[in-house]
N, C-alpha and C. Protein backbone atom coordinates (compact mmCIF):
# COMPACT_ATOMS: atom_id res chain seq x y z
N MET A 1 1.72 -5.10 -19.18
CA MET A 1 1.21 -4.26 -18.09
C MET A 1 -0.15 -4.71 -17.86
N PRO A 2 -0.73 -4.79 -16.71
CA PRO A 2 -2.13 -5.01 -16.45
C PRO A 2 -2.93 -3.88 -16.86
N LEU A 3 -4.13 -4.08 -17.26
CA LEU A 3 -5.10 -3.12 -17.73
C LEU A 3 -5.36 -2.04 -16.73
N HIS A 4 -5.60 -2.40 -15.38
CA HIS A 4 -5.83 -1.54 -14.43
C HIS A 4 -4.73 -0.55 -14.19
N ARG A 5 -3.47 -1.04 -14.24
CA ARG A 5 -2.33 -0.22 -14.07
C ARG A 5 -2.17 0.79 -15.28
N ALA A 6 -2.33 0.41 -16.37
CA ALA A 6 -2.35 1.27 -17.57
C ALA A 6 -3.42 2.39 -17.61
N VAL A 7 -4.63 2.02 -17.06
CA VAL A 7 -5.73 2.94 -16.99
C VAL A 7 -5.43 4.00 -15.94
N LEU A 8 -4.83 3.40 -14.72
CA LEU A 8 -4.56 4.43 -13.69
C LEU A 8 -3.52 5.46 -14.08
N GLU A 9 -2.40 4.94 -14.77
CA GLU A 9 -1.35 5.80 -15.26
C GLU A 9 -1.78 6.85 -16.23
N ILE A 10 -2.71 6.49 -17.16
CA ILE A 10 -3.26 7.53 -18.10
C ILE A 10 -4.11 8.57 -17.29
N VAL A 11 -4.93 8.05 -16.42
CA VAL A 11 -5.92 8.99 -15.58
C VAL A 11 -4.96 9.95 -14.87
N LEU A 12 -3.84 9.44 -14.16
CA LEU A 12 -2.99 10.14 -13.29
C LEU A 12 -2.34 11.27 -14.11
N SER A 13 -2.06 10.95 -15.35
CA SER A 13 -1.34 11.86 -16.15
C SER A 13 -2.20 13.00 -16.69
N LYS A 14 -3.54 12.85 -16.48
CA LYS A 14 -4.61 13.91 -17.11
C LYS A 14 -5.28 14.41 -15.95
N PRO A 15 -4.80 15.28 -15.08
CA PRO A 15 -5.53 15.79 -13.86
C PRO A 15 -6.90 16.37 -14.12
N GLU A 16 -7.10 16.86 -15.26
CA GLU A 16 -8.43 17.42 -15.73
C GLU A 16 -9.45 16.32 -16.02
N GLY A 17 -9.02 15.13 -16.21
CA GLY A 17 -9.96 14.09 -16.58
C GLY A 17 -9.64 13.45 -17.92
N VAL A 18 -10.09 12.47 -18.28
CA VAL A 18 -9.91 11.83 -19.76
C VAL A 18 -11.39 11.13 -19.95
N THR A 19 -11.64 11.40 -21.25
CA THR A 19 -12.94 10.80 -21.69
C THR A 19 -12.70 9.25 -21.99
N GLU A 20 -13.75 8.43 -22.01
CA GLU A 20 -13.68 7.10 -22.32
C GLU A 20 -12.99 6.86 -23.61
N SER A 21 -13.38 7.65 -24.69
CA SER A 21 -12.86 7.47 -26.03
C SER A 21 -11.37 7.76 -26.10
N LYS A 22 -11.06 8.79 -25.39
CA LYS A 22 -9.51 9.26 -25.32
C LYS A 22 -8.68 8.19 -24.41
N LEU A 23 -9.45 7.72 -23.60
CA LEU A 23 -8.75 6.56 -22.70
C LEU A 23 -8.42 5.44 -23.60
N ILE A 24 -9.44 4.95 -24.36
CA ILE A 24 -9.30 3.72 -25.19
C ILE A 24 -8.21 4.12 -26.20
N GLU A 25 -8.30 5.25 -26.82
CA GLU A 25 -7.18 5.73 -27.83
C GLU A 25 -5.73 5.69 -27.21
N SER A 26 -5.71 6.14 -25.91
CA SER A 26 -4.34 6.17 -25.30
C SER A 26 -3.86 4.75 -25.00
N LEU A 27 -4.80 3.85 -24.61
CA LEU A 27 -4.46 2.45 -24.18
C LEU A 27 -3.86 1.77 -25.58
N LYS A 28 -4.53 2.09 -26.66
CA LYS A 28 -4.16 1.43 -27.93
C LYS A 28 -2.73 2.02 -28.32
N LYS A 29 -2.64 3.34 -28.29
CA LYS A 29 -1.39 4.04 -28.78
C LYS A 29 -0.25 3.82 -27.77
N GLU A 30 -0.37 4.02 -26.54
CA GLU A 30 0.73 3.87 -25.54
C GLU A 30 0.99 2.56 -25.06
N TYR A 31 0.00 1.71 -24.93
CA TYR A 31 0.32 0.26 -24.35
C TYR A 31 -0.02 -0.76 -25.11
N GLN A 32 -0.55 -0.54 -26.36
CA GLN A 32 -0.85 -1.57 -27.36
C GLN A 32 -1.81 -2.53 -26.68
N ILE A 33 -2.85 -1.93 -25.95
CA ILE A 33 -3.91 -2.69 -25.23
C ILE A 33 -5.31 -2.35 -25.81
N GLU A 34 -6.02 -3.33 -26.42
CA GLU A 34 -7.29 -3.01 -26.91
C GLU A 34 -8.32 -3.80 -26.12
N PRO A 35 -8.74 -3.27 -24.95
CA PRO A 35 -9.78 -3.92 -24.16
C PRO A 35 -11.19 -3.93 -24.71
N SER A 36 -12.02 -5.02 -24.48
CA SER A 36 -13.38 -4.91 -24.76
C SER A 36 -14.11 -3.78 -23.85
N ARG A 37 -15.24 -3.35 -24.21
CA ARG A 37 -16.00 -2.45 -23.30
C ARG A 37 -16.20 -3.06 -21.95
N SER A 38 -16.53 -4.33 -22.05
CA SER A 38 -16.86 -5.04 -20.91
C SER A 38 -15.59 -5.14 -19.90
N GLU A 39 -14.46 -5.40 -20.44
CA GLU A 39 -13.13 -5.38 -19.66
C GLU A 39 -12.99 -4.03 -19.17
N LEU A 40 -13.07 -3.03 -19.97
CA LEU A 40 -12.75 -1.65 -19.53
C LEU A 40 -13.68 -1.08 -18.44
N TYR A 41 -14.97 -1.50 -18.54
CA TYR A 41 -15.95 -1.02 -17.60
C TYR A 41 -15.69 -1.81 -16.23
N GLN A 42 -15.42 -3.02 -16.30
CA GLN A 42 -14.95 -3.82 -15.03
C GLN A 42 -13.79 -3.16 -14.36
N VAL A 43 -12.71 -2.87 -15.10
CA VAL A 43 -11.57 -2.13 -14.49
C VAL A 43 -11.97 -0.76 -13.80
N LEU A 44 -12.78 0.01 -14.64
CA LEU A 44 -13.08 1.37 -14.13
C LEU A 44 -13.98 1.21 -12.81
N MET A 45 -14.88 0.15 -12.78
CA MET A 45 -15.68 -0.06 -11.65
C MET A 45 -14.76 -0.42 -10.43
N LYS A 46 -13.83 -1.33 -10.58
CA LYS A 46 -12.94 -1.74 -9.58
C LYS A 46 -12.14 -0.51 -8.99
N LEU A 47 -11.62 0.25 -9.95
CA LEU A 47 -10.80 1.49 -9.56
C LEU A 47 -11.77 2.42 -8.79
N GLU A 48 -12.96 2.75 -9.33
CA GLU A 48 -13.81 3.60 -8.57
C GLU A 48 -14.04 3.04 -7.18
N LEU A 49 -14.41 1.75 -7.07
CA LEU A 49 -14.70 1.24 -5.77
C LEU A 49 -13.58 1.31 -4.84
N GLN A 50 -12.34 1.35 -5.26
CA GLN A 50 -11.17 1.51 -4.45
C GLN A 50 -10.94 3.01 -4.14
N ASP A 51 -11.82 3.91 -4.65
CA ASP A 51 -11.73 5.41 -4.48
C ASP A 51 -10.47 5.91 -5.15
N LEU A 52 -9.99 5.34 -6.27
CA LEU A 52 -8.84 5.86 -7.06
C LEU A 52 -9.28 6.74 -8.18
N ILE A 53 -10.38 6.44 -8.75
CA ILE A 53 -11.04 7.40 -9.73
C ILE A 53 -12.47 7.61 -9.56
N HIS A 54 -12.94 8.57 -10.17
CA HIS A 54 -14.40 9.07 -10.20
C HIS A 54 -14.78 9.06 -11.72
N VAL A 55 -15.92 8.29 -12.03
CA VAL A 55 -16.42 8.22 -13.34
C VAL A 55 -17.85 8.98 -13.42
N GLU A 56 -17.97 9.88 -14.32
CA GLU A 56 -19.26 10.56 -14.48
C GLU A 56 -19.55 10.64 -15.93
N GLN A 57 -20.99 10.61 -16.15
CA GLN A 57 -21.43 10.67 -17.48
C GLN A 57 -21.53 12.05 -18.02
N VAL A 58 -20.79 12.34 -19.21
CA VAL A 58 -20.86 13.70 -19.75
C VAL A 58 -21.30 13.33 -21.31
N GLY A 59 -22.76 13.66 -21.44
CA GLY A 59 -23.24 13.45 -22.74
C GLY A 59 -23.31 12.03 -22.92
N LYS A 60 -22.78 11.50 -24.14
CA LYS A 60 -22.82 10.10 -24.57
C LYS A 60 -21.55 9.34 -23.98
N ASP A 61 -20.66 10.09 -23.45
CA ASP A 61 -19.29 9.59 -23.02
C ASP A 61 -19.13 9.63 -21.49
N PHE A 62 -18.08 8.95 -20.95
CA PHE A 62 -17.75 8.99 -19.59
C PHE A 62 -16.62 9.91 -19.41
N LEU A 63 -16.47 10.58 -18.27
CA LEU A 63 -15.35 11.37 -17.97
C LEU A 63 -14.74 10.75 -16.63
N ILE A 64 -13.47 10.43 -16.84
CA ILE A 64 -12.81 9.65 -15.75
C ILE A 64 -11.70 10.68 -15.16
N LYS A 65 -11.90 10.82 -13.80
CA LYS A 65 -10.87 11.73 -13.15
C LYS A 65 -10.37 10.87 -11.97
N VAL A 66 -9.13 11.28 -11.69
CA VAL A 66 -8.34 10.82 -10.52
C VAL A 66 -8.83 11.47 -9.26
N THR A 67 -9.16 10.70 -8.20
CA THR A 67 -9.66 11.19 -6.89
C THR A 67 -8.34 11.82 -6.13
N PRO A 68 -8.67 12.88 -5.29
CA PRO A 68 -7.73 13.55 -4.47
C PRO A 68 -6.91 12.44 -3.60
N GLN A 69 -7.54 11.34 -3.15
CA GLN A 69 -6.82 10.47 -2.32
C GLN A 69 -5.74 9.73 -3.21
N ALA A 70 -6.09 9.33 -4.43
CA ALA A 70 -5.20 8.62 -5.46
C ALA A 70 -4.10 9.55 -5.78
N LYS A 71 -4.30 10.85 -5.94
CA LYS A 71 -3.26 11.91 -6.19
C LYS A 71 -2.23 11.84 -5.06
N GLN A 72 -2.79 11.93 -3.83
CA GLN A 72 -1.95 11.80 -2.70
C GLN A 72 -1.17 10.64 -2.50
N GLN A 73 -1.69 9.57 -2.78
CA GLN A 73 -1.06 8.25 -2.59
C GLN A 73 0.04 8.22 -3.69
N PHE A 74 -0.15 8.69 -4.96
CA PHE A 74 0.78 8.69 -5.85
C PHE A 74 1.94 9.59 -5.64
N LEU A 75 1.70 10.81 -5.08
CA LEU A 75 2.68 11.71 -4.73
C LEU A 75 3.60 11.17 -3.69
N GLU A 76 3.09 10.47 -2.66
CA GLU A 76 3.83 9.87 -1.53
C GLU A 76 4.71 8.75 -1.99
N SER A 77 4.16 8.01 -3.00
CA SER A 77 5.10 6.97 -3.48
C SER A 77 6.22 7.25 -4.37
N VAL A 78 6.16 8.59 -4.89
CA VAL A 78 7.15 8.96 -5.93
C VAL A 78 8.41 9.54 -5.12
């Protein structure tokens, strides 16, 4: 599974948002994917530019949330 798809699935399953550290943990546990920080940040940036997620800094970590547009697109496709 592509990294961007796995990230999107995890974020969609956590409507309250997911921290960067929990996202990395979930990628390893659920998808056996261990991306470098560079790879992960590149995917997060692309998803944010596509208006599918919103990333904000919370302390030393990032909080990643799904955007309302992405939720709507996901609900329409199911």
